C-alpha atoms as a PDB file:
ATOM      1  CA  MET A   1     -23.309  -9.450 -22.800  1.00  0.00           C
ATOM      2  CA  ASN A   2     -20.248  -8.596 -24.113  1.00  0.00           C
ATOM      3  CA  THR A   3     -17.803 -10.870 -22.307  1.00  0.00           C
ATOM      4  CA  GLU A   4     -15.772 -12.222 -25.300  1.00  0.00           C
ATOM      5  CA  LYS A   5     -14.478  -8.398 -24.973  1.00  0.00           C
ATOM      6  CA  LEU A   6     -13.303  -8.816 -21.607  1.00  0.00           C
ATOM      7  CA  VAL A   7     -11.935 -11.941 -22.380  1.00  0.00           C
ATOM      8  CA  GLU A   8     -10.042 -10.408 -25.453  1.00  0.00           C
ATOM      9  CA  LYS A   9      -8.677  -7.591 -23.700  1.00  0.00           C
ATOM     10  CA  TRP A  10      -7.750  -9.113 -19.739  1.00  0.00           C
ATOM     11  CA  GLY A  11      -7.961 -12.892 -20.250  1.00  0.00           C
ATOM     12  CA  GLU A  12     -10.027 -15.547 -19.355  1.00  0.00           C
ATOM     13  CA  PHE A  13     -12.381 -15.452 -16.682  1.00  0.00           C
ATOM     14  CA  LYS A  14     -11.259 -17.485 -13.372  1.00  0.00           C
ATOM     15  CA  ARG A  15     -14.068 -19.462 -11.508  1.00  0.00           C
ATOM     16  CA  GLU A  16     -14.804 -18.770  -7.897  1.00  0.00           C
ATOM     17  CA  GLU A  17     -16.787 -20.132  -5.336  1.00  0.00           C
ATOM     18  CA  HIS A  18     -20.115 -17.993  -6.478  1.00  0.00           C
ATOM     19  CA  TYR A  19     -18.528 -15.632  -9.475  1.00  0.00           C
ATOM     20  CA  PHE A  20     -15.915 -15.505 -12.081  1.00  0.00           C
ATOM     21  CA  GLN A  21     -13.386 -12.879 -12.068  1.00  0.00           C
ATOM     22  CA  ASN A  22     -10.920 -11.332 -14.541  1.00  0.00           C
ATOM     23  CA  GLY A  23      -8.252  -8.422 -14.655  1.00  0.00           C
ATOM     24  CA  ASN A  24      -5.670  -8.443 -11.360  1.00  0.00           C
ATOM     25  CA  MET A  25      -5.362  -5.260  -9.884  1.00  0.00           C
ATOM     26  CA  PRO A  26      -2.213  -5.693  -7.887  1.00  0.00           C
ATOM     27  CA  PHE A  27      -1.306  -1.930  -7.958  1.00  0.00           C
ATOM     28  CA  VAL A  28      -4.928  -1.621  -5.887  1.00  0.00           C
ATOM     29  CA  SER A  29      -4.900  -5.155  -3.738  1.00  0.00           C
ATOM     30  CA  GLU A  30      -3.864  -8.669  -4.084  1.00  0.00           C
ATOM     31  CA  GLN A  31      -8.112  -8.863  -4.317  1.00  0.00           C
ATOM     32  CA  ALA A  32      -8.654  -6.470  -6.065  1.00  0.00           C
ATOM     33  CA  ARG A  33     -10.280  -7.439  -9.438  1.00  0.00           C
ATOM     34  CA  LEU A  34     -11.580  -5.221 -12.727  1.00  0.00           C
ATOM     35  CA  ASN A  35     -14.365  -7.906 -13.563  1.00  0.00           C
ATOM     36  CA  VAL A  36     -17.106 -10.063 -11.615  1.00  0.00           C
ATOM     37  CA  LEU A  37     -19.811 -11.616 -12.709  1.00  0.00           C
ATOM     38  CA  PHE A  38     -22.050 -13.504 -10.368  1.00  0.00           C
ATOM     39  CA  ASP A  39     -23.153 -17.209 -10.838  1.00  0.00           C
ATOM     40  CA  PRO A  40     -27.458 -16.966 -11.568  1.00  0.00           C
ATOM     41  CA  GLU A  41     -29.844 -17.593  -8.807  1.00  0.00           C
ATOM     42  CA  ASP A  42     -33.005 -19.631  -9.735  1.00  0.00           C
ATOM     43  CA  ILE A  43     -35.053 -17.184 -12.297  1.00  0.00           C
ATOM     44  CA  ASN A  44     -38.174 -17.745 -10.344  1.00  0.00           C
ATOM     45  CA  GLU A  45     -36.607 -16.743  -7.204  1.00  0.00           C
ATOM     46  CA  VAL A  46     -35.512 -13.616  -8.889  1.00  0.00           C
ATOM     47  CA  ILE A  47     -38.679 -12.863 -10.714  1.00  0.00           C
ATOM     48  CA  SER A  48     -40.670 -13.728  -7.078  1.00  0.00           C
ATOM     49  CA  VAL A  49     -37.897 -10.871  -5.501  1.00  0.00           C
ATOM     50  CA  PHE A  50     -39.390  -8.377  -8.359  1.00  0.00           C
ATOM     51  CA  ARG A  51     -43.035  -9.084  -8.007  1.00  0.00           C
ATOM     52  CA  ASP A  52     -43.098  -9.246  -4.132  1.00  0.00           C
ATOM     53  CA  GLN A  53     -40.284  -6.625  -2.762  1.00  0.00           C
ATOM     54  CA  LEU A  54     -39.903  -3.989  -6.158  1.00  0.00           C
ATOM     55  CA  ASP A  55     -43.795  -4.701  -6.763  1.00  0.00           C
ATOM     56  CA  SER A  56     -42.790  -5.041 -10.624  1.00  0.00           C
ATOM     57  CA  SER A  57     -42.264  -7.247 -13.266  1.00  0.00           C
ATOM     58  CA  ILE A  58     -38.731  -7.435 -14.785  1.00  0.00           C
ATOM     59  CA  LEU A  59     -37.373  -5.826 -17.915  1.00  0.00           C
ATOM     60  CA  PRO A  60     -37.704  -8.405 -20.710  1.00  0.00           C
ATOM     61  CA  GLU A  61     -34.059  -7.705 -21.182  1.00  0.00           C
ATOM     62  CA  LEU A  62     -32.970  -7.661 -17.622  1.00  0.00           C
ATOM     63  CA  ARG A  63     -34.457 -11.259 -17.350  1.00  0.00           C
ATOM     64  CA  VAL A  64     -32.219 -12.467 -19.952  1.00  0.00           C
ATOM     65  CA  PHE A  65     -29.026 -11.080 -18.391  1.00  0.00           C
ATOM     66  CA  TYR A  66     -30.154 -12.621 -14.857  1.00  0.00           C
ATOM     67  CA  GLN A  67     -30.490 -16.002 -15.955  1.00  0.00           C
ATOM     68  CA  GLU A  68     -26.834 -15.553 -16.845  1.00  0.00           C
ATOM     69  CA  HIS A  69     -25.515 -13.623 -13.813  1.00  0.00           C
ATOM     70  CA  ASN A  70     -26.842 -12.588 -10.349  1.00  0.00           C
ATOM     71  CA  GLY A  71     -25.925  -9.224 -11.260  1.00  0.00           C
ATOM     72  CA  CYS A  72     -22.041  -8.124 -12.107  1.00  0.00           C
ATOM     73  CA  ARG A  73     -19.449  -5.721 -10.750  1.00  0.00           C
ATOM     74  CA  LEU A  74     -17.210  -4.437 -13.940  1.00  0.00           C
ATOM     75  CA  PHE A  75     -14.592  -1.838 -14.760  1.00  0.00           C
ATOM     76  CA  PHE A  76     -13.639  -1.815 -11.380  1.00  0.00           C
ATOM     77  CA  GLY A  77     -16.902  -1.373  -9.374  1.00  0.00           C
ATOM     78  CA  SER A  78     -18.067   1.600 -11.810  1.00  0.00           C
ATOM     79  CA  PHE A  79     -20.556  -0.227 -13.825  1.00  0.00           C
ATOM     80  CA  CYS A  80     -22.926  -2.815 -11.894  1.00  0.00           C
ATOM     81  CA  ILE A  81     -26.255  -4.564 -12.209  1.00  0.00           C
ATOM     82  CA  PHE A  82     -27.497  -5.083  -9.062  1.00  0.00           C
ATOM     83  CA  GLY A  83     -28.608  -8.612  -8.071  1.00  0.00           C
ATOM     84  CA  LEU A  84     -29.450 -10.771  -4.856  1.00  0.00           C
ATOM     85  CA  GLN A  85     -26.991 -11.244  -2.216  1.00  0.00           C
ATOM     86  CA  ARG A  86     -26.368 -14.469  -0.662  1.00  0.00           C
ATOM     87  CA  TYR A  87     -22.639 -14.373   0.727  1.00  0.00           C
ATOM     88  CA  HIS A  88     -22.346 -11.550   3.101  1.00  0.00           C
ATOM     89  CA  ASP A  89     -18.872 -12.071   4.480  1.00  0.00           C
ATOM     90  CA  ASP A  90     -17.459 -12.506   0.642  1.00  0.00           C
ATOM     91  CA  ILE A  91     -15.280  -9.927  -0.534  1.00  0.00           C
ATOM     92  CA  PHE A  92     -17.142  -9.871  -3.705  1.00  0.00           C
ATOM     93  CA  GLU A  93     -20.970  -9.856  -3.704  1.00  0.00           C
ATOM     94  CA  PRO A  94     -23.293  -7.947  -5.930  1.00  0.00           C
ATOM     95  CA  TYR A  95     -25.272  -4.794  -4.657  1.00  0.00           C
ATOM     96  CA  ASP A  96     -28.458  -6.091  -3.240  1.00  0.00           C
ATOM     97  CA  ILE A  97     -31.308  -4.695  -5.550  1.00  0.00           C
ATOM     98  CA  VAL A  98     -33.804  -4.459  -2.929  1.00  0.00           C
ATOM     99  CA  ARG A  99     -31.725  -2.769  -0.645  1.00  0.00           C
ATOM    100  CA  GLU A 100     -30.174  -0.460  -3.279  1.00  0.00           C
ATOM    101  CA  ASN A 101     -33.842   0.346  -4.448  1.00  0.00           C
ATOM    102  CA  LEU A 102     -35.271   1.254  -0.598  1.00  0.00           C
ATOM    103  CA  ASN A 103     -31.844   3.079   0.107  1.00  0.00           C
ATOM    104  CA  ASN A 104     -32.434   5.511  -3.147  1.00  0.00           C
ATOM    105  CA  TYR A 105     -35.888   5.813  -3.613  1.00  0.00           C
ATOM    106  CA  ALA A 106     -35.954   6.984   0.311  1.00  0.00           C
ATOM    107  CA  LYS A 107     -33.386   9.431  -0.480  1.00  0.00           C
ATOM    108  CA  MET A 108     -34.945  10.659  -3.818  1.00  0.00           C
ATOM    109  CA  THR A 109     -38.429  11.221  -1.767  1.00  0.00           C
ATOM    110  CA  ARG A 110     -36.480  12.781   1.053  1.00  0.00           C
ATOM    111  CA  GLY A 111     -38.154   9.745   3.296  1.00  0.00           C
ATOM    112  CA  ALA A 112     -41.683  10.371   2.452  1.00  0.00           C
ATOM    113  CA  ARG A 113     -43.634   7.136   2.160  1.00  0.00           C
ATOM    114  CA  LYS A 114     -44.615   6.991  -1.129  1.00  0.00           C
ATOM    115  CA  LYS A 115     -44.344   3.866  -3.846  1.00  0.00           C
ATOM    116  CA  SER A 116     -42.021   3.431  -5.916  1.00  0.00           C
ATOM    117  CA  LYS A 117     -42.299   4.255 -10.146  1.00  0.00           C
ATOM    118  CA  MET A 118     -39.412   2.704 -11.048  1.00  0.00           C
ATOM    119  CA  VAL A 119     -37.010  -0.474 -10.428  1.00  0.00           C
ATOM    120  CA  LEU A 120     -33.500   0.331 -10.286  1.00  0.00           C
ATOM    121  CA  PHE A 121     -31.301  -2.303 -11.207  1.00  0.00           C
ATOM    122  CA  ALA A 122     -27.746  -0.851 -11.837  1.00  0.00           C
ATOM    123  CA  THR A 123     -25.151   1.980 -10.855  1.00  0.00           C
ATOM    124  CA  LEU A 124     -22.524   4.242 -12.472  1.00  0.00           C
ATOM    125  CA  GLY A 125     -19.947   4.646 -10.005  1.00  0.00           C
ATOM    126  CA  GLY A 126     -22.520   4.861  -7.234  1.00  0.00           C
ATOM    127  CA  ASP A 127     -23.112   8.373  -8.105  1.00  0.00           C
ATOM    128  CA  TYR A 128     -25.798   7.692 -10.933  1.00  0.00           C
ATOM    129  CA  VAL A 129     -28.585   4.856 -11.133  1.00  0.00           C
ATOM    130  CA  PHE A 130     -30.508   3.530 -13.756  1.00  0.00           C
ATOM    131  CA  GLY A 131     -34.015   2.147 -13.905  1.00  0.00           C
ATOM    132  CA  TYR A 132     -37.385   1.723 -15.478  1.00  0.00           C
ATOM    133  CA  ASP A 133     -41.025   2.545 -15.023  1.00  0.00           C
ATOM    134  CA  LYS A 134     -42.834  -0.321 -13.900  1.00  0.00           C
ATOM    135  CA  THR A 135     -45.842   0.333 -16.164  1.00  0.00           C
ATOM    136  CA  GLU A 136     -43.577   0.914 -19.384  1.00  0.00           C
ATOM    137  CA  LEU A 137     -40.995  -1.540 -18.954  1.00  0.00           C
ATOM    138  CA  SER A 138     -38.879  -0.460 -22.100  1.00  0.00           C
ATOM    139  CA  LYS A 139     -36.963   2.670 -21.700  1.00  0.00           C
ATOM    140  CA  ILE A 140     -34.006   3.238 -19.114  1.00  0.00           C
ATOM    141  CA  TYR A 141     -33.847   6.122 -17.067  1.00  0.00           C
ATOM    142  CA  CYS A 142     -30.424   7.531 -15.649  1.00  0.00           C
ATOM    143  CA  VAL A 143     -31.188   9.487 -12.213  1.00  0.00           C
ATOM    144  CA  LYS A 144     -28.621  11.127 -10.043  1.00  0.00           C
ATOM    145  CA  ALA A 145     -28.360   9.543  -6.863  1.00  0.00           C
ATOM    146  CA  GLY A 146     -30.402  10.805  -4.244  1.00  0.00           C
ATOM    147  CA  SER A 147     -32.301  12.697  -6.698  1.00  0.00           C
ATOM    148  CA  ALA A 148     -35.681  11.975  -8.231  1.00  0.00           C
ATOM    149  CA  GLN A 149     -34.606  13.863 -11.840  1.00  0.00           C
ATOM    150  CA  VAL A 150     -33.849  12.274 -15.082  1.00  0.00           C
ATOM    151  CA  ILE A 151     -30.551  12.977 -16.553  1.00  0.00           C
ATOM    152  CA  LYS A 152     -31.137  10.566 -19.377  1.00  0.00           C
ATOM    153  CA  GLU A 153     -32.812   8.358 -20.948  1.00  0.00           C
ATOM    154  CA  TYR A 154     -32.228   5.098 -23.265  1.00  0.00           C
ATOM    155  CA  GLU A 155     -34.793   3.626 -25.759  1.00  0.00           C
ATOM    156  CA  ASN A 156     -33.857   0.271 -24.270  1.00  0.00           C
ATOM    157  CA  PHE A 157     -31.802  -1.686 -22.318  1.00  0.00           C
ATOM    158  CA  ASP A 158     -29.456  -2.954 -25.062  1.00  0.00           C
ATOM    159  CA  ASP A 159     -28.992   0.987 -25.269  1.00  0.00           C
ATOM    160  CA  PHE A 160     -28.401   1.572 -22.100  1.00  0.00           C
ATOM    161  CA  TRP A 161     -25.380  -1.258 -21.634  1.00  0.00           C
ATOM    162  CA  ASN A 162     -23.821  -1.078 -25.022  1.00  0.00           C
ATOM    163  CA  TYR A 163     -23.217   2.951 -24.149  1.00  0.00           C
ATOM    164  CA  TYR A 164     -21.902   2.563 -20.641  1.00  0.00           C
ATOM    165  CA  PHE A 165     -20.190  -0.957 -21.594  1.00  0.00           C
ATOM    166  CA  ASP A 166     -17.917   0.183 -24.730  1.00  0.00           C
ATOM    167  CA  LYS A 167     -16.837   3.499 -23.130  1.00  0.00           C
ATOM    168  CA  LEU A 168     -15.924   1.680 -19.912  1.00  0.00           C
ATOM    169  CA  LEU A 169     -14.052  -0.877 -22.214  1.00  0.00           C
ATOM    170  CA  ASP A 170     -11.878   2.036 -23.620  1.00  0.00           C
ATOM    171  CA  GLU A 171     -11.521   3.792 -20.380  1.00  0.00           C
ATOM    172  CA  TYR A 172      -9.002   0.564 -18.974  1.00  0.00           C
ATOM    173  CA  ASP A 173      -5.874  -0.502 -20.355  1.00  0.00           C
ATOM    174  CA  GLU A 174      -4.323  -4.125 -21.151  1.00  0.00           C
ATOM    175  CA  GLU A 175      -2.741  -3.823 -17.588  1.00  0.00           C
ATOM    176  CA  CYS A 176      -6.532  -2.621 -15.868  1.00  0.00           C
ATOM    177  CA  ARG A 177      -5.372   0.854 -15.329  1.00  0.00           C
ATOM    178  CA  LYS A 178      -7.226   3.548 -15.874  1.00  0.00           C
ATOM    179  CA  ILE A 179      -6.006   5.897 -18.882  1.00  0.00           C
ATOM    180  CA  HIS A 180      -7.443   8.885 -17.220  1.00  0.00           C
ATOM    181  CA  PRO A 181      -7.371   8.588 -13.487  1.00  0.00           C
ATOM    182  CA  ASN A 182      -9.206  10.812 -11.230  1.00  0.00           C
ATOM    183  CA  LYS A 183      -7.252  13.967 -11.121  1.00  0.00           C
ATOM    184  CA  GLU A 184      -8.432  14.544  -7.289  1.00  0.00           C
ATOM    185  CA  ASP A 185      -7.827  10.873  -6.175  1.00  0.00           C
ATOM    186  CA  VAL A 186      -4.288  10.275  -7.412  1.00  0.00           C
ATOM    187  CA  GLY A 187      -2.182   8.648  -5.311  1.00  0.00           C
ATOM    188  CA  ILE A 188      -5.349   6.826  -4.208  1.00  0.00           C
ATOM    189  CA  PRO A 189      -5.756   3.548  -6.400  1.00  0.00           C
ATOM    190  CA  SER A 190      -9.049   2.471  -5.424  1.00  0.00           C
ATOM    191  CA  LEU A 191     -10.258   5.745  -6.069  1.00  0.00           C
ATOM    192  CA  GLU A 192      -8.434   6.643  -9.128  1.00  0.00           C
ATOM    193  CA  HIS A 193      -9.115   3.619 -10.901  1.00  0.00           C
ATOM    194  CA  LEU A 194     -12.983   4.050 -10.468  1.00  0.00           C
ATOM    195  CA  THR A 195     -15.275   5.819 -13.113  1.00  0.00           C
ATOM    196  CA  TYR A 196     -18.650   7.515 -12.423  1.00  0.00           C
ATOM    197  CA  ARG A 197     -18.075  10.831 -14.589  1.00  0.00           C
ATOM    198  CA  MET A 198     -19.593   9.348 -18.173  1.00  0.00           C
ATOM    199  CA  LEU A 199     -22.674  11.044 -19.010  1.00  0.00           C
END
């Protein structure tokens, strides 16, 4: 993961109870942070959740990610990797991977009781979700949230990660402000600083 680029642009990550954060955004709120990385969980527990609740193995590169972090919320929550929720009352928690899979897949199939062929593990601004085929464990697919149609695909996790990370890194200035605020949301800092139209 490219955390050194985040440190170089927005300073060292500060340790909190179960996460690290950098990039204060006082123009949004005193609590707002640009980047949050969550403490890792026991990798064997993560593997069990994938196997028992998502009926899948973990993509090898994603397993490496989970050994370092229990998900993340980067660029003001624009780019998130799901994790296991542990601190339900905390302001910063990863999106729960089991819940996100259940909710998204129910929308994709319009509530029909079908077994999911994909494991969804990330989101871009809540508008797009990313996953991999349980039988392939290689390519990453981008799907519009609520739809089953694949919009874009990436050869592997690194291609997916680098594409969005690098674009988003350039979308926020050194003061954590979005360089191109969402025009329809100007004046509402919590919305104008969120990025989701990047495909």
